[in-house]
Amino acid sequence: MAEGDFPDTEAGIVALLKNYSQVTNIVGTSVLFGVPRNNPSFPLIVVRRLTGGEDTSDAPLDQAVLNIDCWGRSKLEASNLVNAVRSVFFGVRSPVEIAGVRIYVATVDSVVWQPDPEDDRPRYVLTTRVTSAAV
């Protein structure tokens, strides 16, 4: 890591979620950054960055706010998926290094039931705050 490098927090979160069986047992490897352009298969997790910036400390820390869209074929499946994601984030109580990112903490700010407005596809949207650094 070069001095002043910032992490790709989104890539770290995608890799983290793909690393836990409680998530992959539901979605397989369908954890993506950004909305897929082609016909996606469901269930599916989409990671999107809302905002964030650097920490005011001397270390180059990223303070990201992310949305994690948990799409299911049913409300129950979407609910099981969002709860699996919550469990993964709850487990980050000491630094986790994955995909070139050191994730210090991932806290859940909110979980909102938000089906797709066009076709009513079941979705929960989880908002998380992630503190991370490049490794």
N, C-alpha and C. Protein backbone atom coordinates (compact mmCIF):
# COMPACT_ATOMS: atom_id res chain seq x y z
N MET A 1 0.85 -1.19 0.00
CA MET A 1 0.00 0.00 0.00
C MET A 1 0.88 1.23 0.00
N ALA A 2 0.62 2.14 -0.89
CA ALA A 2 1.34 3.41 -0.92
C ALA A 2 0.68 4.37 0.06
N GLU A 3 1.49 5.26 0.61
CA GLU A 3 0.96 6.24 1.54
C GLU A 3 -0.14 7.06 0.87
N GLY A 4 -1.26 7.21 1.54
CA GLY A 4 -2.36 7.99 1.00
C GLY A 4 -3.35 7.20 0.18
N ASP A 5 -3.11 5.89 -0.01
CA ASP A 5 -4.06 5.07 -0.76
C ASP A 5 -5.34 4.87 0.03
N PHE A 6 -6.45 4.93 -0.68
CA PHE A 6 -7.75 4.66 -0.06
C PHE A 6 -8.26 3.33 -0.55
N PRO A 7 -9.05 2.66 0.26
CA PRO A 7 -9.54 1.32 -0.11
C PRO A 7 -10.70 1.38 -1.09
N ASP A 8 -10.90 0.27 -1.79
CA ASP A 8 -12.12 0.07 -2.57
C ASP A 8 -13.10 -0.64 -1.63
N THR A 9 -13.75 0.16 -0.80
CA THR A 9 -14.62 -0.37 0.24
C THR A 9 -15.72 -1.25 -0.33
N GLU A 10 -16.29 -0.84 -1.46
CA GLU A 10 -17.36 -1.62 -2.06
C GLU A 10 -16.86 -3.02 -2.45
N ALA A 11 -15.66 -3.10 -3.04
CA ALA A 11 -15.10 -4.41 -3.40
C ALA A 11 -14.85 -5.25 -2.16
N GLY A 12 -14.43 -4.62 -1.08
CA GLY A 12 -14.23 -5.34 0.18
C GLY A 12 -15.52 -5.92 0.73
N ILE A 13 -16.59 -5.15 0.66
CA ILE A 13 -17.89 -5.62 1.15
C ILE A 13 -18.43 -6.73 0.26
N VAL A 14 -18.29 -6.60 -1.06
CA VAL A 14 -18.72 -7.67 -1.98
C VAL A 14 -17.97 -8.96 -1.63
N ALA A 15 -16.64 -8.87 -1.47
CA ALA A 15 -15.84 -10.05 -1.14
C ALA A 15 -16.21 -10.62 0.22
N LEU A 16 -16.47 -9.74 1.20
CA LEU A 16 -16.85 -10.19 2.53
C LEU A 16 -18.15 -10.99 2.47
N LEU A 17 -19.16 -10.47 1.78
CA LEU A 17 -20.44 -11.16 1.69
C LEU A 17 -20.32 -12.49 0.95
N LYS A 18 -19.46 -12.53 -0.07
CA LYS A 18 -19.25 -13.78 -0.82
C LYS A 18 -18.48 -14.82 0.00
N ASN A 19 -17.92 -14.40 1.11
CA ASN A 19 -17.08 -15.27 1.93
C ASN A 19 -17.87 -15.97 3.05
N TYR A 20 -19.15 -15.68 3.19
CA TYR A 20 -19.94 -16.24 4.28
C TYR A 20 -21.04 -17.14 3.75
N SER A 21 -21.08 -18.35 4.27
CA SER A 21 -22.04 -19.35 3.77
C SER A 21 -23.49 -18.95 4.04
N GLN A 22 -23.77 -18.20 5.11
CA GLN A 22 -25.16 -17.82 5.35
C GLN A 22 -25.69 -16.92 4.23
N VAL A 23 -24.80 -16.25 3.51
CA VAL A 23 -25.18 -15.45 2.35
C VAL A 23 -25.16 -16.31 1.09
N THR A 24 -24.04 -17.02 0.86
CA THR A 24 -23.89 -17.78 -0.39
C THR A 24 -24.85 -18.96 -0.47
N ASN A 25 -25.33 -19.46 0.67
CA ASN A 25 -26.34 -20.53 0.64
C ASN A 25 -27.64 -20.03 0.01
N ILE A 26 -27.85 -18.72 0.01
CA ILE A 26 -29.07 -18.14 -0.57
C ILE A 26 -28.81 -17.63 -1.99
N VAL A 27 -27.71 -16.89 -2.20
CA VAL A 27 -27.49 -16.23 -3.50
C VAL A 27 -26.39 -16.86 -4.35
N GLY A 28 -25.66 -17.83 -3.83
CA GLY A 28 -24.51 -18.34 -4.56
C GLY A 28 -23.47 -17.24 -4.66
N THR A 29 -23.04 -16.91 -5.87
CA THR A 29 -22.05 -15.85 -6.06
C THR A 29 -22.68 -14.55 -6.57
N SER A 30 -23.99 -14.44 -6.51
CA SER A 30 -24.69 -13.26 -7.03
C SER A 30 -24.68 -12.10 -6.05
N VAL A 31 -23.46 -11.62 -5.77
CA VAL A 31 -23.24 -10.42 -4.96
C VAL A 31 -22.46 -9.48 -5.86
N LEU A 32 -23.07 -8.35 -6.23
CA LEU A 32 -22.52 -7.48 -7.26
C LEU A 32 -22.40 -6.05 -6.78
N PHE A 33 -21.47 -5.31 -7.40
CA PHE A 33 -21.44 -3.86 -7.21
C PHE A 33 -22.20 -3.24 -8.37
N GLY A 34 -23.20 -2.48 -8.06
CA GLY A 34 -23.99 -1.82 -9.10
C GLY A 34 -25.07 -2.73 -9.66
N VAL A 35 -26.05 -2.12 -10.24
CA VAL A 35 -27.20 -2.84 -10.78
C VAL A 35 -26.80 -3.54 -12.09
N PRO A 36 -27.08 -4.84 -12.20
CA PRO A 36 -26.72 -5.54 -13.44
C PRO A 36 -27.56 -5.03 -14.62
N ARG A 37 -26.92 -4.94 -15.78
CA ARG A 37 -27.60 -4.41 -16.97
C ARG A 37 -28.45 -5.46 -17.67
N ASN A 38 -28.00 -6.69 -17.66
CA ASN A 38 -28.74 -7.76 -18.33
C ASN A 38 -29.76 -8.37 -17.38
N ASN A 39 -30.49 -9.32 -17.83
CA ASN A 39 -31.50 -9.98 -17.01
C ASN A 39 -30.83 -10.72 -15.86
N PRO A 40 -30.86 -10.15 -14.66
CA PRO A 40 -30.22 -10.84 -13.53
C PRO A 40 -31.07 -12.01 -13.05
N SER A 41 -30.41 -12.96 -12.42
CA SER A 41 -31.15 -14.05 -11.79
C SER A 41 -31.29 -13.73 -10.31
N PHE A 42 -32.35 -14.18 -9.74
CA PHE A 42 -32.65 -13.88 -8.34
C PHE A 42 -32.65 -15.18 -7.56
N PRO A 43 -32.29 -15.12 -6.28
CA PRO A 43 -31.99 -13.97 -5.43
C PRO A 43 -30.66 -13.32 -5.80
N LEU A 44 -30.48 -12.09 -5.29
CA LEU A 44 -29.36 -11.26 -5.71
C LEU A 44 -29.08 -10.20 -4.65
N ILE A 45 -27.80 -9.88 -4.46
CA ILE A 45 -27.40 -8.74 -3.62
C ILE A 45 -26.71 -7.73 -4.53
N VAL A 46 -27.11 -6.46 -4.40
CA VAL A 46 -26.47 -5.37 -5.12
C VAL A 46 -25.93 -4.38 -4.10
N VAL A 47 -24.63 -4.10 -4.17
CA VAL A 47 -23.96 -3.14 -3.28
C VAL A 47 -23.85 -1.81 -4.03
N ARG A 48 -24.29 -0.74 -3.38
CA ARG A 48 -24.22 0.61 -3.98
C ARG A 48 -23.68 1.58 -2.94
N ARG A 49 -22.77 2.43 -3.35
CA ARG A 49 -22.23 3.46 -2.46
C ARG A 49 -23.13 4.69 -2.54
N LEU A 50 -23.56 5.17 -1.36
CA LEU A 50 -24.40 6.37 -1.31
C LEU A 50 -23.56 7.62 -1.12
N THR A 51 -22.65 7.55 -0.15
CA THR A 51 -21.86 8.72 0.22
C THR A 51 -20.69 8.25 1.07
N GLY A 52 -19.99 9.19 1.59
CA GLY A 52 -18.86 8.88 2.46
C GLY A 52 -17.66 9.70 2.06
N GLY A 53 -16.64 9.56 2.85
CA GLY A 53 -15.42 10.31 2.60
C GLY A 53 -14.34 9.85 3.54
N GLU A 54 -13.28 10.63 3.58
CA GLU A 54 -12.16 10.23 4.41
C GLU A 54 -12.39 10.59 5.87
N ASP A 55 -11.72 9.85 6.71
CA ASP A 55 -11.71 10.11 8.14
C ASP A 55 -10.76 11.26 8.41
N THR A 56 -10.94 11.97 9.49
CA THR A 56 -10.10 13.12 9.81
C THR A 56 -8.81 12.74 10.53
N SER A 57 -8.58 11.45 10.76
CA SER A 57 -7.35 11.02 11.42
C SER A 57 -6.19 11.05 10.43
N ASP A 58 -4.99 10.69 10.92
CA ASP A 58 -3.80 10.67 10.07
C ASP A 58 -3.81 9.53 9.07
N ALA A 59 -4.50 8.45 9.39
CA ALA A 59 -4.55 7.29 8.49
C ALA A 59 -5.55 7.54 7.38
N PRO A 60 -5.29 7.02 6.17
CA PRO A 60 -6.27 7.18 5.08
C PRO A 60 -7.42 6.17 5.24
N LEU A 61 -8.39 6.54 6.05
CA LEU A 61 -9.57 5.70 6.29
C LEU A 61 -10.73 6.17 5.44
N ASP A 62 -11.52 5.23 4.97
CA ASP A 62 -12.74 5.55 4.24
C ASP A 62 -13.91 5.36 5.18
N GLN A 63 -14.79 6.33 5.21
CA GLN A 63 -16.03 6.27 5.98
C GLN A 63 -17.18 6.20 4.98
N ALA A 64 -17.50 5.01 4.53
CA ALA A 64 -18.48 4.84 3.46
C ALA A 64 -19.88 4.56 4.02
N VAL A 65 -20.88 5.06 3.31
CA VAL A 65 -22.27 4.70 3.57
C VAL A 65 -22.74 3.95 2.33
N LEU A 66 -23.14 2.70 2.54
CA LEU A 66 -23.52 1.82 1.44
C LEU A 66 -24.96 1.36 1.59
N ASN A 67 -25.63 1.17 0.46
CA ASN A 67 -26.90 0.45 0.43
C ASN A 67 -26.62 -0.96 -0.04
N ILE A 68 -27.21 -1.92 0.62
CA ILE A 68 -27.14 -3.31 0.23
C ILE A 68 -28.56 -3.73 -0.13
N ASP A 69 -28.82 -3.89 -1.43
CA ASP A 69 -30.15 -4.31 -1.89
C ASP A 69 -30.20 -5.83 -1.86
N CYS A 70 -31.15 -6.36 -1.13
CA CYS A 70 -31.32 -7.81 -0.98
C CYS A 70 -32.60 -8.22 -1.70
N TRP A 71 -32.43 -8.73 -2.92
CA TRP A 71 -33.53 -9.10 -3.79
C TRP A 71 -33.85 -10.58 -3.64
N GLY A 72 -35.12 -10.90 -3.58
CA GLY A 72 -35.55 -12.30 -3.49
C GLY A 72 -36.65 -12.61 -4.47
N ARG A 73 -36.96 -13.89 -4.59
CA ARG A 73 -38.10 -14.30 -5.42
C ARG A 73 -39.39 -14.23 -4.62
N SER A 74 -39.25 -14.10 -3.29
CA SER A 74 -40.39 -13.96 -2.39
C SER A 74 -39.98 -13.03 -1.25
N LYS A 75 -40.95 -12.54 -0.51
CA LYS A 75 -40.65 -11.69 0.63
C LYS A 75 -39.84 -12.47 1.67
N LEU A 76 -40.20 -13.73 1.86
CA LEU A 76 -39.47 -14.56 2.83
C LEU A 76 -38.01 -14.71 2.42
N GLU A 77 -37.75 -14.97 1.14
CA GLU A 77 -36.37 -15.13 0.69
C GLU A 77 -35.58 -13.82 0.85
N ALA A 78 -36.19 -12.68 0.50
CA ALA A 78 -35.53 -11.39 0.67
C ALA A 78 -35.26 -11.12 2.15
N SER A 79 -36.20 -11.49 3.01
CA SER A 79 -36.03 -11.32 4.46
C SER A 79 -34.89 -12.20 4.98
N ASN A 80 -34.85 -13.44 4.55
CA ASN A 80 -33.76 -14.33 4.97
C ASN A 80 -32.41 -13.79 4.51
N LEU A 81 -32.38 -13.22 3.32
CA LEU A 81 -31.14 -12.69 2.78
C LEU A 81 -30.68 -11.45 3.55
N VAL A 82 -31.58 -10.52 3.81
CA VAL A 82 -31.17 -9.32 4.55
C VAL A 82 -30.73 -9.69 5.97
N ASN A 83 -31.36 -10.67 6.56
CA ASN A 83 -30.93 -11.09 7.90
C ASN A 83 -29.58 -11.78 7.87
N ALA A 84 -29.26 -12.50 6.79
CA ALA A 84 -27.93 -13.10 6.64
C ALA A 84 -26.87 -12.00 6.53
N VAL A 85 -27.16 -10.96 5.76
CA VAL A 85 -26.23 -9.83 5.62
C VAL A 85 -26.04 -9.14 6.97
N ARG A 86 -27.12 -8.94 7.69
CA ARG A 86 -27.02 -8.33 9.03
C ARG A 86 -26.12 -9.14 9.94
N SER A 87 -26.24 -10.46 9.87
CA SER A 87 -25.41 -11.33 10.70
C SER A 87 -23.93 -11.19 10.35
N VAL A 88 -23.63 -11.10 9.06
CA VAL A 88 -22.23 -10.92 8.64
C VAL A 88 -21.69 -9.60 9.21
N PHE A 89 -22.43 -8.52 9.06
CA PHE A 89 -21.96 -7.22 9.55
C PHE A 89 -21.85 -7.21 11.07
N PHE A 90 -22.78 -7.86 11.75
CA PHE A 90 -22.71 -7.93 13.21
C PHE A 90 -21.44 -8.64 13.66
N GLY A 91 -20.96 -9.58 12.85
CA GLY A 91 -19.76 -10.33 13.19
C GLY A 91 -18.46 -9.57 12.99
N VAL A 92 -18.50 -8.42 12.36
CA VAL A 92 -17.27 -7.63 12.16
C VAL A 92 -17.05 -6.80 13.42
N ARG A 93 -16.38 -7.42 14.38
CA ARG A 93 -16.09 -6.76 15.67
C ARG A 93 -14.60 -6.53 15.86
N SER A 94 -13.81 -7.12 14.99
CA SER A 94 -12.38 -6.85 14.93
C SER A 94 -12.03 -6.77 13.45
N PRO A 95 -10.92 -6.13 13.10
CA PRO A 95 -10.62 -5.92 11.68
C PRO A 95 -10.60 -7.21 10.86
N VAL A 96 -11.21 -7.12 9.67
CA VAL A 96 -11.24 -8.23 8.71
C VAL A 96 -10.50 -7.74 7.46
N GLU A 97 -9.52 -8.52 7.00
CA GLU A 97 -8.80 -8.17 5.77
C GLU A 97 -9.26 -9.07 4.64
N ILE A 98 -9.73 -8.45 3.56
CA ILE A 98 -10.22 -9.20 2.41
C ILE A 98 -10.17 -8.29 1.18
N ALA A 99 -9.74 -8.84 0.06
CA ALA A 99 -9.72 -8.13 -1.23
C ALA A 99 -8.96 -6.80 -1.16
N GLY A 100 -7.86 -6.77 -0.41
CA GLY A 100 -7.05 -5.56 -0.31
C GLY A 100 -7.64 -4.48 0.57
N VAL A 101 -8.63 -4.84 1.39
CA VAL A 101 -9.31 -3.89 2.26
C VAL A 101 -9.31 -4.41 3.68
N ARG A 102 -9.02 -3.53 4.64
CA ARG A 102 -9.18 -3.86 6.06
C ARG A 102 -10.46 -3.19 6.54
N ILE A 103 -11.46 -4.01 6.84
CA ILE A 103 -12.75 -3.51 7.32
C ILE A 103 -12.72 -3.50 8.83
N TYR A 104 -12.83 -2.32 9.41
CA TYR A 104 -12.79 -2.19 10.86
C TYR A 104 -14.16 -2.40 11.49
N VAL A 105 -15.17 -1.85 10.86
CA VAL A 105 -16.53 -1.97 11.39
C VAL A 105 -17.52 -1.78 10.25
N ALA A 106 -18.65 -2.49 10.36
CA ALA A 106 -19.77 -2.33 9.43
C ALA A 106 -21.04 -2.35 10.28
N THR A 107 -21.61 -1.18 10.50
CA THR A 107 -22.80 -1.08 11.33
C THR A 107 -24.04 -0.89 10.46
N VAL A 108 -25.13 -1.47 10.88
CA VAL A 108 -26.39 -1.36 10.15
C VAL A 108 -27.16 -0.16 10.69
N ASP A 109 -27.44 0.80 9.80
CA ASP A 109 -28.22 1.97 10.19
C ASP A 109 -29.71 1.74 10.03
N SER A 110 -30.09 1.04 8.95
CA SER A 110 -31.52 0.83 8.72
C SER A 110 -31.74 -0.36 7.81
N VAL A 111 -32.93 -0.92 7.91
CA VAL A 111 -33.41 -1.97 7.01
C VAL A 111 -34.82 -1.56 6.60
N VAL A 112 -35.04 -1.41 5.29
CA VAL A 112 -36.32 -0.91 4.79
C VAL A 112 -36.88 -1.90 3.77
N TRP A 113 -38.16 -2.22 3.90
CA TRP A 113 -38.86 -3.03 2.91
C TRP A 113 -39.16 -2.12 1.73
N GLN A 114 -38.61 -2.44 0.55
CA GLN A 114 -38.77 -1.55 -0.60
C GLN A 114 -38.86 -2.37 -1.89
N PRO A 115 -40.02 -2.99 -2.14
CA PRO A 115 -40.17 -3.75 -3.38
C PRO A 115 -39.97 -2.86 -4.61
N ASP A 116 -39.57 -3.47 -5.71
CA ASP A 116 -39.35 -2.74 -6.95
C ASP A 116 -40.64 -2.04 -7.36
N PRO A 117 -40.59 -0.73 -7.64
CA PRO A 117 -41.81 0.00 -7.98
C PRO A 117 -42.41 -0.40 -9.33
N GLU A 118 -41.60 -1.02 -10.20
CA GLU A 118 -42.12 -1.39 -11.52
C GLU A 118 -42.79 -2.75 -11.54
N ASP A 119 -42.19 -3.74 -10.88
CA ASP A 119 -42.76 -5.08 -10.96
C ASP A 119 -43.03 -5.71 -9.59
N ASP A 120 -42.87 -4.93 -8.52
CA ASP A 120 -43.16 -5.36 -7.16
C ASP A 120 -42.25 -6.51 -6.69
N ARG A 121 -41.07 -6.68 -7.33
CA ARG A 121 -40.14 -7.74 -6.91
C ARG A 121 -39.70 -7.47 -5.47
N PRO A 122 -39.72 -8.52 -4.63
CA PRO A 122 -39.37 -8.35 -3.22
C PRO A 122 -37.93 -7.88 -3.02
N ARG A 123 -37.78 -6.85 -2.19
CA ARG A 123 -36.44 -6.31 -1.89
C ARG A 123 -36.45 -5.64 -0.52
N TYR A 124 -35.40 -5.92 0.24
CA TYR A 124 -35.07 -5.14 1.43
C TYR A 124 -33.82 -4.34 1.09
N VAL A 125 -33.77 -3.10 1.59
CA VAL A 125 -32.59 -2.26 1.41
C VAL A 125 -32.00 -2.00 2.79
N LEU A 126 -30.76 -2.44 2.96
CA LEU A 126 -30.02 -2.26 4.21
C LEU A 126 -29.01 -1.14 3.99
N THR A 127 -28.96 -0.19 4.91
CA THR A 127 -27.96 0.88 4.85
C THR A 127 -26.94 0.61 5.94
N THR A 128 -25.66 0.63 5.54
CA THR A 128 -24.58 0.34 6.47
C THR A 128 -23.50 1.42 6.39
N ARG A 129 -22.85 1.66 7.52
CA ARG A 129 -21.69 2.54 7.58
C ARG A 129 -20.47 1.66 7.77
N VAL A 130 -19.48 1.83 6.90
CA VAL A 130 -18.30 0.98 6.91
C VAL A 130 -17.06 1.85 7.06
N THR A 131 -16.22 1.49 8.03
CA THR A 131 -14.92 2.14 8.19
C THR A 131 -13.87 1.15 7.71
N SER A 132 -13.03 1.60 6.75
CA SER A 132 -12.05 0.69 6.18
C SER A 132 -10.78 1.43 5.77
N ALA A 133 -9.74 0.62 5.51
CA ALA A 133 -8.46 1.14 5.03
C ALA A 133 -7.91 0.18 4.00
N ALA A 134 -7.02 0.67 3.15
CA ALA A 134 -6.34 -0.20 2.18
C ALA A 134 -5.24 -0.98 2.89
N VAL A 135 -5.01 -2.20 2.43
CA VAL A 135 -3.89 -3.00 2.98
C VAL A 135 -2.92 -3.35 1.86
